[in-house]
Amino acid sequence: MLLTIKSTVQLTSGYPMPLLGFGVYQNDDAKPSVLEALGAGYRHVDSAQFYKNEGAVGEAVKAGGIPREELFITTKCDSTTHGYDSTLTGVDGSLARFGFEYIDLFLVHDPLSGTERRLATYRALLDAQAAGKIRSVGVSNYGVRHLNEIKNAGLPMPVLHPFCQHRPIVEYCRAHSIVVQAYCPLIRGRMDHPVIQQVANKHNRDLAQILIRWSLQKGFVPLPKSVTPTRIRSNANVYDFELSPEDMGQLDFLDLGQEGAVLSNPVNAP
């Protein structure tokens, strides 16, 4: 599988998304790390209204000197702001904080607001997309039944769905041409499993590099996060080796489903 840091996946909205993203969760002062990431070759940054760092990301984009059209910036609205009018207001607020004319991808951050508000929020994002404020619309932390709500309402399916290695959700997404993102691809540092160490030793690579490469070869879009310059660059240095089918199988076998989630995962929310 020939992959480079410039590799992208085509979304059903027609826009390409870089396969490797840079996460900024719990990074209030994100400007220095985003600048470091841009210098290391990342062109995809994953933010959210809840992270309270959209402004810092926007400052880094301006300071980085890379043309805006060469970058892919994501943000999200969480359940505390769901609703049609509040979502439209939130989109304008995100644009103002970033200092952008458009946002590449806007996600419904979680499904915790209930069916009515979930669908109202999704409709608002589609209308903001039609107005040119958003290029692509997706969802986050959704389970299969939440995705079916969108389908049954006759609305366009989301272009993207972040996950926690839930295989039924992944299968559903692939069947509906929904790209799958991998948040917390480094398991929040809990990488000391003997199998991961064995594969890392085989390839003479860091544990984090093995996990990122696994995500990429699975066809996922990993969003590794770090504020350490050497780690930011190391996490992008995953394109000069390839995991074998045996390596991939060993790592696949580690799946614990919902029990393996490193964060609260509301895929079964009512």
Protein backbone atom coordinates (compact mmCIF):
# COMPACT_ATOMS: atom_id res chain seq x y z
CA MET A 1 0.00 0.00 0.00
CA LEU A 2 1.73 3.14 -1.26
CA LEU A 3 1.04 5.96 1.17
CA THR A 4 2.68 9.35 1.63
CA ILE A 5 2.04 12.27 3.95
CA LYS A 6 0.24 13.86 0.99
CA SER A 7 -2.19 10.93 0.60
CA THR A 8 -5.86 11.88 0.69
CA VAL A 9 -9.27 10.23 0.63
CA GLN A 10 -12.05 11.58 -1.57
CA LEU A 11 -15.18 12.45 0.41
CA THR A 12 -18.62 12.04 -1.12
CA SER A 13 -18.94 15.84 -0.97
CA GLY A 14 -16.26 15.92 -3.67
CA TYR A 15 -13.45 17.27 -1.50
CA PRO A 16 -10.20 15.44 -0.69
CA MET A 17 -9.21 14.99 2.96
CA PRO A 18 -5.60 14.29 4.01
CA LEU A 19 -5.37 10.81 5.55
CA LEU A 20 -3.16 11.96 8.42
CA GLY A 21 -4.66 14.55 10.74
CA PHE A 22 -3.28 16.46 13.71
CA GLY A 23 -5.42 16.42 16.86
CA VAL A 24 -5.60 19.37 19.27
CA TYR A 25 -7.90 18.08 22.02
CA GLN A 26 -6.93 19.42 25.49
CA ASN A 27 -4.51 21.84 23.86
CA ASP A 28 -5.69 25.32 24.81
CA ASP A 29 -2.55 27.00 23.47
CA ALA A 30 -2.57 25.10 20.19
CA LYS A 31 -0.74 27.64 18.03
CA PRO A 32 2.86 26.39 18.66
CA SER A 33 2.01 22.71 18.16
CA VAL A 34 -0.07 23.36 15.04
CA LEU A 35 2.79 25.41 13.58
CA GLU A 36 5.14 22.52 14.34
CA ALA A 37 2.73 20.08 12.71
CA LEU A 38 2.42 22.21 9.59
CA GLY A 39 6.21 22.37 9.41
CA ALA A 40 6.34 18.57 9.65
CA GLY A 41 4.01 18.22 6.67
CA TYR A 42 0.57 17.81 8.25
CA ARG A 43 -2.17 19.53 6.25
CA HIS A 44 -5.18 18.40 8.30
CA VAL A 45 -6.02 19.78 11.77
CA ASP A 46 -8.89 18.45 13.90
CA SER A 47 -10.41 20.99 16.33
CA ALA A 48 -13.82 21.48 17.98
CA GLN A 49 -15.86 24.20 19.65
CA PHE A 50 -15.55 22.23 22.89
CA TYR A 51 -11.74 22.33 22.68
CA LYS A 52 -11.81 26.15 22.88
CA ASN A 53 -8.80 26.47 20.58
CA GLU A 54 -10.33 27.36 17.20
CA GLY A 55 -8.79 30.82 17.48
CA ALA A 56 -5.33 29.41 18.19
CA VAL A 57 -5.62 27.05 15.22
CA GLY A 58 -6.64 29.96 13.02
CA GLU A 59 -3.66 32.00 14.22
CA ALA A 60 -1.32 29.10 13.41
CA VAL A 61 -2.79 28.76 9.93
CA LYS A 62 -2.18 32.45 9.26
CA ALA A 63 1.34 32.36 10.72
CA GLY A 64 2.25 29.16 8.89
CA GLY A 65 2.12 30.82 5.49
CA ILE A 66 0.53 27.81 3.79
CA PRO A 67 -2.30 28.75 1.39
CA ARG A 68 -5.66 28.11 3.04
CA GLU A 69 -6.82 25.97 0.12
CA GLU A 70 -3.98 23.50 0.80
CA LEU A 71 -5.22 22.87 4.35
CA PHE A 72 -8.11 20.84 5.73
CA ILE A 73 -9.59 22.12 9.00
CA THR A 74 -12.25 20.28 11.02
CA THR A 75 -14.40 21.50 13.89
CA LYS A 76 -17.43 20.11 15.75
CA CYS A 77 -20.53 21.16 17.73
CA ASP A 78 -21.31 19.16 20.88
CA SER A 79 -24.74 18.32 22.31
CA THR A 80 -24.87 21.36 24.62
CA THR A 81 -25.24 23.58 21.53
CA HIS A 82 -27.46 21.34 19.40
CA GLY A 83 -30.59 22.69 17.73
CA TYR A 84 -31.19 24.32 14.35
CA ASP A 85 -30.79 28.02 15.19
CA SER A 86 -28.07 27.49 17.79
CA THR A 87 -26.07 25.39 15.35
CA LEU A 88 -26.22 28.06 12.64
CA THR A 89 -25.10 30.64 15.21
CA GLY A 90 -22.32 28.27 16.26
CA VAL A 91 -21.09 27.88 12.69
CA ASP A 92 -20.75 31.66 12.37
CA GLY A 93 -18.97 31.77 15.71
CA SER A 94 -16.47 29.11 14.63
CA LEU A 95 -15.79 30.94 11.36
CA ALA A 96 -15.14 34.16 13.30
CA ARG A 97 -12.79 32.47 15.78
CA PHE A 98 -10.82 30.71 13.06
CA GLY A 99 -10.83 33.82 10.88
CA PHE A 100 -11.86 31.67 7.90
CA GLU A 101 -14.36 32.10 5.10
CA TYR A 102 -15.22 28.40 5.19
CA ILE A 103 -14.64 25.27 7.28
CA ASP A 104 -13.60 22.12 5.47
CA LEU A 105 -15.45 19.66 7.70
CA PHE A 106 -18.04 20.31 10.40
CA LEU A 107 -19.07 17.38 12.60
CA VAL A 108 -21.94 16.78 15.00
CA HIS A 109 -19.64 16.03 17.94
CA ASP A 110 -21.86 13.55 19.80
CA PRO A 111 -25.39 12.09 19.70
CA LEU A 112 -26.36 12.95 23.28
CA SER A 113 -29.08 15.51 22.50
CA GLY A 114 -31.76 13.06 21.36
CA THR A 115 -33.27 12.33 17.95
CA GLU A 116 -35.10 15.62 17.35
CA ARG A 117 -32.18 17.90 18.19
CA ARG A 118 -29.67 15.61 16.46
CA LEU A 119 -31.58 15.85 13.19
CA ALA A 120 -32.18 19.59 13.58
CA THR A 121 -28.46 20.10 14.11
CA TYR A 122 -27.60 17.99 11.09
CA ARG A 123 -30.09 19.90 8.92
CA ALA A 124 -28.56 23.19 10.06
CA LEU A 125 -25.09 22.00 9.05
CA LEU A 126 -26.42 20.96 5.63
CA ASP A 127 -27.95 24.42 5.20
CA ALA A 128 -24.65 26.04 6.23
CA GLN A 129 -22.97 23.83 3.64
CA ALA A 130 -25.43 25.02 0.97
CA ALA A 131 -24.57 28.59 1.98
CA GLY A 132 -20.87 27.93 1.35
CA LYS A 133 -19.80 28.17 4.98
CA ILE A 134 -18.96 24.44 5.25
CA ARG A 135 -17.58 22.15 2.58
CA SER A 136 -18.38 18.76 4.14
CA VAL A 137 -20.70 17.59 6.93
CA GLY A 138 -20.16 14.55 9.16
CA VAL A 139 -20.85 13.08 12.58
CA SER A 140 -18.79 11.88 15.53
CA ASN A 141 -19.36 9.16 18.15
CA TYR A 142 -22.47 7.96 16.32
CA GLY A 143 -23.67 4.37 16.46
CA VAL A 144 -25.41 2.54 13.62
CA ARG A 145 -28.90 3.50 14.83
CA HIS A 146 -27.94 7.20 14.94
CA LEU A 147 -26.69 6.92 11.37
CA ASN A 148 -29.92 5.17 10.36
CA GLU A 149 -31.87 8.14 11.76
CA ILE A 150 -30.23 10.32 9.12
CA LYS A 151 -30.87 7.78 6.38
CA ASN A 152 -34.51 7.24 7.41
CA ALA A 153 -35.10 11.01 7.49
CA GLY A 154 -34.15 11.10 3.80
CA LEU A 155 -31.13 13.32 4.46
CA PRO A 156 -27.75 12.92 2.72
CA MET A 157 -25.51 10.54 4.64
CA PRO A 158 -22.52 12.05 6.48
CA VAL A 159 -19.18 11.97 4.71
CA LEU A 160 -17.25 10.95 7.78
CA HIS A 161 -17.61 9.15 11.10
CA PRO A 162 -14.94 8.96 13.82
CA PHE A 163 -14.87 5.68 15.71
CA CYS A 164 -13.43 3.59 18.54
CA GLN A 165 -12.71 0.20 16.62
CA HIS A 166 -16.37 -0.81 16.54
CA ARG A 167 -16.44 -3.26 13.66
CA PRO A 168 -20.22 -3.18 12.99
CA ILE A 169 -20.06 0.63 12.76
CA VAL A 170 -17.05 0.45 10.46
CA GLU A 171 -18.82 -2.07 8.22
CA TYR A 172 -21.92 0.15 8.09
CA CYS A 173 -19.84 3.20 7.20
CA ARG A 174 -18.00 1.42 4.43
CA ALA A 175 -21.26 0.12 3.01
CA HIS A 176 -22.52 3.73 2.86
CA SER A 177 -19.27 5.35 1.61
CA ILE A 178 -18.67 7.06 4.95
CA VAL A 179 -14.99 7.65 5.74
CA VAL A 180 -13.94 6.52 9.23
CA GLN A 181 -11.67 8.63 11.43
CA ALA A 182 -9.67 7.19 14.31
CA TYR A 183 -9.57 9.47 17.34
CA CYS A 184 -7.18 8.60 20.15
CA PRO A 185 -5.21 6.39 17.71
CA LEU A 186 -2.36 6.24 20.24
CA ILE A 187 -4.64 4.86 22.99
CA ARG A 188 -3.73 7.86 25.16
CA GLY A 189 -0.25 6.43 25.66
CA ARG A 190 -1.43 2.97 26.74
CA MET A 191 0.71 1.30 24.10
CA ASP A 192 2.65 -1.21 26.21
CA HIS A 193 0.84 -4.33 25.02
CA PRO A 194 3.34 -7.11 24.16
CA VAL A 195 1.95 -7.48 20.63
CA ILE A 196 2.44 -3.79 19.86
CA GLN A 197 5.94 -3.95 21.31
CA GLN A 198 6.73 -7.06 19.26
CA VAL A 199 5.64 -5.44 15.99
CA ALA A 200 7.52 -2.24 16.88
CA ASN A 201 10.71 -4.19 17.58
CA LYS A 202 10.34 -6.06 14.29
CA HIS A 203 10.25 -2.82 12.32
CA ASN A 204 12.57 -0.85 14.65
CA ARG A 205 9.86 1.75 15.12
CA ASP A 206 8.21 3.65 17.93
CA LEU A 207 5.02 2.16 19.33
CA ALA A 208 3.08 5.24 18.20
CA GLN A 209 4.32 4.86 14.64
CA ILE A 210 3.06 1.27 14.54
CA LEU A 211 -0.43 2.30 15.68
CA ILE A 212 -0.63 5.20 13.21
CA ARG A 213 0.55 2.98 10.37
CA TRP A 214 -2.05 0.35 11.34
CA SER A 215 -4.81 2.98 11.12
CA LEU A 216 -3.59 4.18 7.73
CA GLN A 217 -3.39 0.67 6.31
CA LYS A 218 -6.89 -0.08 7.61
CA GLY A 219 -8.11 2.87 5.54
CA PHE A 220 -8.86 5.00 8.60
CA VAL A 221 -7.91 8.66 9.10
CA PRO A 222 -5.85 8.80 12.33
CA LEU A 223 -5.68 12.00 14.39
CA PRO A 224 -2.56 11.68 16.57
CA LYS A 225 -2.10 14.44 19.12
CA SER A 226 1.05 15.79 20.75
CA VAL A 227 2.52 19.07 21.96
CA THR A 228 6.10 17.73 21.84
CA PRO A 229 7.91 18.75 18.62
CA THR A 230 9.89 15.51 18.32
CA ARG A 231 6.72 13.44 18.76
CA ILE A 232 4.75 15.56 16.30
CA ARG A 233 7.41 14.89 13.66
CA SER A 234 7.88 11.24 14.60
CA ASN A 235 4.14 10.62 14.29
CA ALA A 236 4.31 11.87 10.69
CA ASN A 237 7.30 9.66 9.85
CA VAL A 238 5.30 6.55 9.00
CA TYR A 239 5.62 6.32 5.24
CA ASP A 240 8.90 4.46 4.73
CA PHE A 241 7.76 1.10 6.10
CA GLU A 242 4.72 -1.17 5.79
CA LEU A 243 3.07 -3.59 8.18
CA SER A 244 2.72 -7.12 6.83
CA PRO A 245 -0.63 -8.96 6.72
CA GLU A 246 0.60 -10.92 9.74
CA ASP A 247 1.37 -7.70 11.63
CA MET A 248 -2.06 -6.31 10.77
CA GLY A 249 -3.77 -9.51 11.88
CA GLN A 250 -2.00 -9.49 15.23
CA LEU A 251 -3.04 -5.88 15.85
CA ASP A 252 -6.60 -6.52 14.66
CA PHE A 253 -6.88 -9.32 17.21
CA LEU A 254 -6.38 -6.82 20.06
CA ASP A 255 -9.86 -5.36 19.53
CA LEU A 256 -11.87 -5.22 22.77
CA GLY A 257 -14.90 -3.47 21.30
CA GLN A 258 -16.61 -0.98 23.61
CA GLU A 259 -14.48 -2.19 26.53
CA GLY A 260 -11.41 -0.95 24.71
CA ALA A 261 -12.59 2.66 24.49
CA VAL A 262 -10.14 5.10 26.04
CA LEU A 263 -12.81 7.79 26.33
CA SER A 264 -16.51 7.69 27.13
CA ASN A 265 -18.08 6.59 23.87
CA PRO A 266 -21.79 7.39 23.43
CA VAL A 267 -22.45 5.14 20.43
CA ASN A 268 -25.38 3.55 22.29
CA ALA A 269 -26.93 6.84 23.42
CA PRO A 270 -30.76 6.99 23.16
